Protein backbone atom coordinates (compact mmCIF):
# COMPACT_ATOMS: atom_id res chain seq x y z
CA MET A 1 75.81 142.80 91.70
CA SER A 2 78.68 145.24 91.24
CA GLU A 3 81.40 144.78 88.65
CA GLN A 4 83.88 144.02 91.45
CA GLN A 5 81.57 141.39 92.98
CA GLY A 6 81.06 139.80 89.61
CA LEU A 7 84.82 139.63 89.09
CA GLU A 8 85.30 137.98 92.49
CA VAL A 9 82.62 135.35 91.75
CA SER A 10 84.09 134.58 88.34
CA GLN A 11 87.55 134.20 89.85
CA SER A 12 86.30 131.82 92.55
CA GLN A 13 84.42 129.54 90.16
CA PRO A 14 86.42 126.97 88.17
CA THR A 15 86.41 127.48 84.44
CA GLU A 16 86.05 124.74 81.84
CA ALA A 17 89.81 124.93 81.34
CA ASP A 18 90.37 124.44 85.08
CA GLU A 19 88.06 121.42 85.13
CA ALA A 20 89.72 119.94 82.06
CA ALA A 21 93.14 120.37 83.66
CA ALA A 22 91.92 118.73 86.88
CA ASP A 23 90.45 115.82 84.91
CA MET A 24 93.69 115.36 82.98
CA ARG A 25 95.77 115.49 86.15
CA ARG A 26 93.54 112.89 87.81
CA ALA A 27 93.64 110.62 84.76
CA LEU A 28 97.44 110.77 84.76
CA LEU A 29 97.54 109.96 88.48
CA ASP A 30 95.24 106.97 88.00
CA ALA A 31 97.35 105.68 85.13
CA GLY A 32 100.46 106.31 87.18
CA LYS A 33 99.07 104.28 90.06
CA THR A 34 98.58 101.31 87.74
CA GLU A 35 102.05 101.68 86.25
CA PHE A 36 103.94 102.01 89.53
CA ALA A 37 101.86 99.31 91.21
CA ASN A 38 102.65 96.84 88.43
CA TYR A 39 106.29 97.69 87.72
CA GLY A 40 107.61 99.50 90.76
CA TYR A 41 109.48 102.77 90.60
CA ASP A 42 112.45 101.50 88.61
CA GLY A 43 110.42 99.53 86.09
CA ALA A 44 107.72 102.13 85.50
CA ARG A 45 107.77 104.11 82.26
CA LEU A 46 106.29 107.55 81.78
CA GLU A 47 105.62 106.69 78.14
CA ARG A 48 103.17 103.97 79.18
CA ILE A 49 101.41 106.30 81.61
CA ALA A 50 100.90 108.94 78.93
CA ALA A 51 99.84 106.34 76.34
CA LYS A 52 97.17 104.96 78.66
CA VAL A 53 95.66 108.43 79.02
CA GLY A 54 96.11 109.18 75.34
CA CYS A 55 98.33 112.21 75.67
CA ALA A 56 101.92 113.17 75.01
CA LYS A 57 104.62 112.38 77.55
CA ARG A 58 105.32 116.08 77.94
CA MET A 59 101.96 116.44 79.74
CA LEU A 60 103.43 114.54 82.69
CA TYR A 61 106.30 116.99 82.88
CA TYR A 62 103.85 119.89 82.57
CA TYR A 63 101.61 118.73 85.44
CA PHE A 64 104.14 117.10 87.74
CA GLY A 65 107.78 117.31 86.66
CA ASN A 66 110.18 114.38 86.39
CA LYS A 67 109.56 110.69 87.09
CA LYS A 68 110.19 111.07 90.81
CA ASP A 69 107.70 113.93 91.00
CA VAL A 70 105.08 111.80 89.24
CA TYR A 71 105.66 108.95 91.67
CA LEU A 72 105.43 111.19 94.72
CA ALA A 73 102.17 112.67 93.42
CA VAL A 74 100.76 109.18 92.84
CA ILE A 75 101.71 108.03 96.34
CA GLU A 76 100.27 111.16 97.94
CA GLN A 77 97.00 110.91 96.01
CA SER A 78 96.65 107.19 96.78
CA TYR A 79 96.89 107.72 100.53
CA SER A 80 94.68 110.80 100.32
CA ASP A 81 91.99 108.76 98.53
CA ILE A 82 91.67 106.13 101.27
CA ARG A 83 91.59 108.79 103.97
CA GLU A 84 88.92 110.75 102.06
CA SER A 85 86.80 107.62 101.76
CA GLU A 86 86.95 107.29 105.55
CA GLU A 87 86.04 110.94 106.13
CA MET A 88 82.78 110.39 104.26
CA LEU A 89 81.62 108.00 106.99
CA ASN A 90 80.95 110.82 109.49
CA LEU A 91 82.37 108.67 112.29
CA ASP A 92 81.96 111.32 114.99
CA ALA A 93 78.17 111.04 114.66
CA MET A 94 78.18 107.29 115.39
CA ALA A 95 78.33 105.39 118.67
CA PRO A 96 81.97 104.45 119.42
CA LEU A 97 81.79 100.74 118.60
CA GLN A 98 79.63 101.39 115.54
CA ALA A 99 82.18 103.96 114.36
CA LEU A 100 85.08 101.58 114.90
CA HIS A 101 83.32 98.83 112.97
CA ALA A 102 82.36 101.22 110.17
CA LEU A 103 85.97 102.36 109.82
CA ALA A 104 87.20 98.76 109.76
CA GLN A 105 84.65 97.69 107.17
CA LYS A 106 85.51 100.67 104.97
CA SER A 107 89.20 99.72 105.06
CA PHE A 108 88.36 96.06 104.37
CA GLU A 109 86.26 97.01 101.36
CA TYR A 110 88.65 99.67 100.10
CA HIS A 111 91.58 97.27 99.97
CA GLU A 112 89.66 94.62 98.05
CA GLN A 113 88.22 97.17 95.62
CA ASN A 114 91.53 98.99 95.05
CA LEU A 115 94.07 96.25 94.38
CA GLU A 116 96.50 98.72 92.84
CA PHE A 117 96.65 100.62 96.12
CA THR A 118 97.78 97.52 98.02
CA ARG A 119 100.39 96.70 95.38
CA LEU A 120 101.62 100.29 95.42
CA VAL A 121 102.05 100.12 99.19
CA LEU A 122 104.00 96.87 98.82
CA GLN A 123 106.22 98.45 96.17
CA GLU A 124 106.93 101.36 98.48
CA ASN A 125 107.84 98.96 101.28
CA PHE A 126 110.26 97.18 98.97
CA GLN A 127 112.05 100.52 98.72
CA GLY A 128 112.09 100.98 102.49
CA GLY A 129 109.42 103.69 102.46
CA GLU A 130 112.05 106.17 101.29
CA MET A 131 109.83 108.02 98.83
CA LEU A 132 106.79 108.21 101.11
CA GLY A 133 108.74 110.31 103.57
CA GLN A 134 109.34 112.91 100.86
CA ILE A 135 105.75 113.77 100.00
CA SER A 136 104.44 117.15 101.08
CA LYS A 137 101.46 115.91 103.09
CA THR A 138 103.15 113.32 105.34
CA ASP A 139 102.04 114.99 108.58
CA LEU A 140 98.50 115.57 107.32
CA LEU A 141 98.12 111.98 106.14
CA ARG A 142 99.46 110.66 109.45
CA LYS A 143 96.93 112.73 111.36
CA ALA A 144 94.13 111.72 108.99
CA ALA A 145 94.89 108.06 109.65
CA LEU A 146 95.21 108.19 113.44
CA GLU A 147 93.21 111.14 114.78
CA PRO A 148 89.75 109.77 113.86
CA VAL A 149 90.65 106.54 115.69
CA GLU A 150 91.90 108.51 118.68
CA ARG A 151 88.60 110.40 118.87
CA ILE A 152 86.60 107.17 118.71
CA LEU A 153 88.70 105.58 121.46
CA GLU A 154 88.45 108.69 123.64
CA ARG A 155 84.66 108.84 123.30
CA GLY A 156 84.35 105.14 124.01
CA ALA A 157 86.49 105.36 127.15
CA LYS A 158 84.53 108.38 128.45
CA GLN A 159 81.26 106.53 127.92
CA GLY A 160 82.60 103.46 129.66
CA VAL A 161 82.07 101.20 126.65
CA PHE A 162 85.81 100.93 125.86
CA ARG A 163 88.66 100.24 128.21
CA SER A 164 91.10 103.11 128.56
CA GLY A 165 94.67 103.17 127.34
CA ILE A 166 94.10 101.62 123.91
CA SER A 167 96.52 102.84 121.27
CA ALA A 168 95.19 104.22 117.99
CA VAL A 169 98.30 102.73 116.37
CA ASP A 170 97.29 99.25 117.56
CA VAL A 171 93.79 99.69 116.18
CA HIS A 172 95.10 101.00 112.86
CA TYR A 173 97.55 98.08 112.71
CA LEU A 174 94.86 95.48 113.31
CA ILE A 175 92.52 96.98 110.71
CA SER A 176 95.28 97.36 108.11
CA ALA A 177 96.69 93.88 108.70
CA LEU A 178 93.42 92.00 108.29
CA SER A 179 92.29 94.23 105.43
CA SER A 180 95.43 94.03 103.31
CA PHE A 181 96.84 90.55 103.94
CA ARG A 182 93.98 88.74 102.23
CA VAL A 183 94.49 90.88 99.13
CA ASP A 184 98.29 90.94 99.06
CA HIS A 185 98.67 87.18 99.62
CA ALA A 186 95.66 85.89 97.68
CA ALA A 187 97.75 84.48 94.84
CA THR A 188 100.15 82.44 96.99
CA TRP A 189 97.36 81.12 99.21
CA ARG A 190 95.42 80.07 96.14
CA SER A 191 98.41 78.35 94.53
CA LEU A 192 99.94 76.69 97.60
CA LEU A 193 97.05 76.13 100.01
CA GLU A 194 94.22 76.04 97.48
CA VAL A 195 92.41 78.62 99.59
CA ASP A 196 90.59 81.49 97.90
CA LEU A 197 91.05 84.38 100.31
CA LEU A 198 88.95 86.62 98.07
CA GLY A 199 86.05 84.17 97.74
CA ASP A 200 82.63 85.15 99.08
CA SER A 201 82.50 82.64 101.94
CA LEU A 202 85.90 83.54 103.39
CA ARG A 203 85.27 87.21 102.78
CA GLU A 204 82.35 87.30 105.20
CA ARG A 205 84.17 85.18 107.78
CA HIS A 206 87.28 87.33 107.66
CA LEU A 207 85.34 90.58 107.85
CA GLN A 208 83.52 89.27 110.91
CA LEU A 209 86.85 88.12 112.34
CA LEU A 210 88.16 91.68 112.00
CA LEU A 211 85.10 93.17 113.68
CA ASP A 212 85.18 90.58 116.49
CA GLN A 213 88.87 91.21 117.16
CA LEU A 214 88.26 94.94 117.37
CA SER A 215 85.38 94.42 119.77
CA ARG A 216 87.57 92.27 122.02
CA LEU A 217 90.44 94.75 121.85
CA VAL A 218 88.36 97.67 123.09
CA ALA A 219 86.03 95.81 125.47
CA PRO A 220 86.15 97.03 129.09
CA VAL A 221 88.01 94.80 131.50
CA ARG A 222 85.48 92.98 133.67
CA GLU A 223 86.41 92.56 137.29
CA SER A 224 86.18 88.98 138.56
CA LEU A 225 83.93 88.37 141.52
């Protein structure tokens, strides 16, 4: 290997300092997600975020900037995480209905395993979604949410196993609604109705309800004799 080739390889490989910086940045984002999810934008404190990670407050300014910049980075990373978890499914290699069900189950599981994400989304809705529109990856995140569904629906329609004309937005809405409601409203249902939405028995029923509703939504229209 020439000296120039060795220099190029060394420049392309992350150093220990790079990895440490990435780890610190991720730790701050995770702590920020907890803080903003629990207190909202106005109530969140950068001091608490830094204290949870065990670093000085100035590290937040170093990696992100001011409070708004921290919040925008947290929001962007939170939506990127759920989309990345879906990308790992390799949906294009599955049969259309299997892919649709796999995507729905991933969303169902992600919401129940990432309670701070659902609270963060609620907090952003309380603010009218104003901040979300300011992140740098809005277009990419929109495409990441809808384009995989569009491909599944297109393949299903071509194969004759789905009816044509189904909207990816409708599918995304159905999956998101039945995945997030049980998490977001668990406390009030438990207190008022004495129903444990997060209990094991209802969990399986509600997951199956989601899958059944998706199957009915995409099922081909059968002509009556």
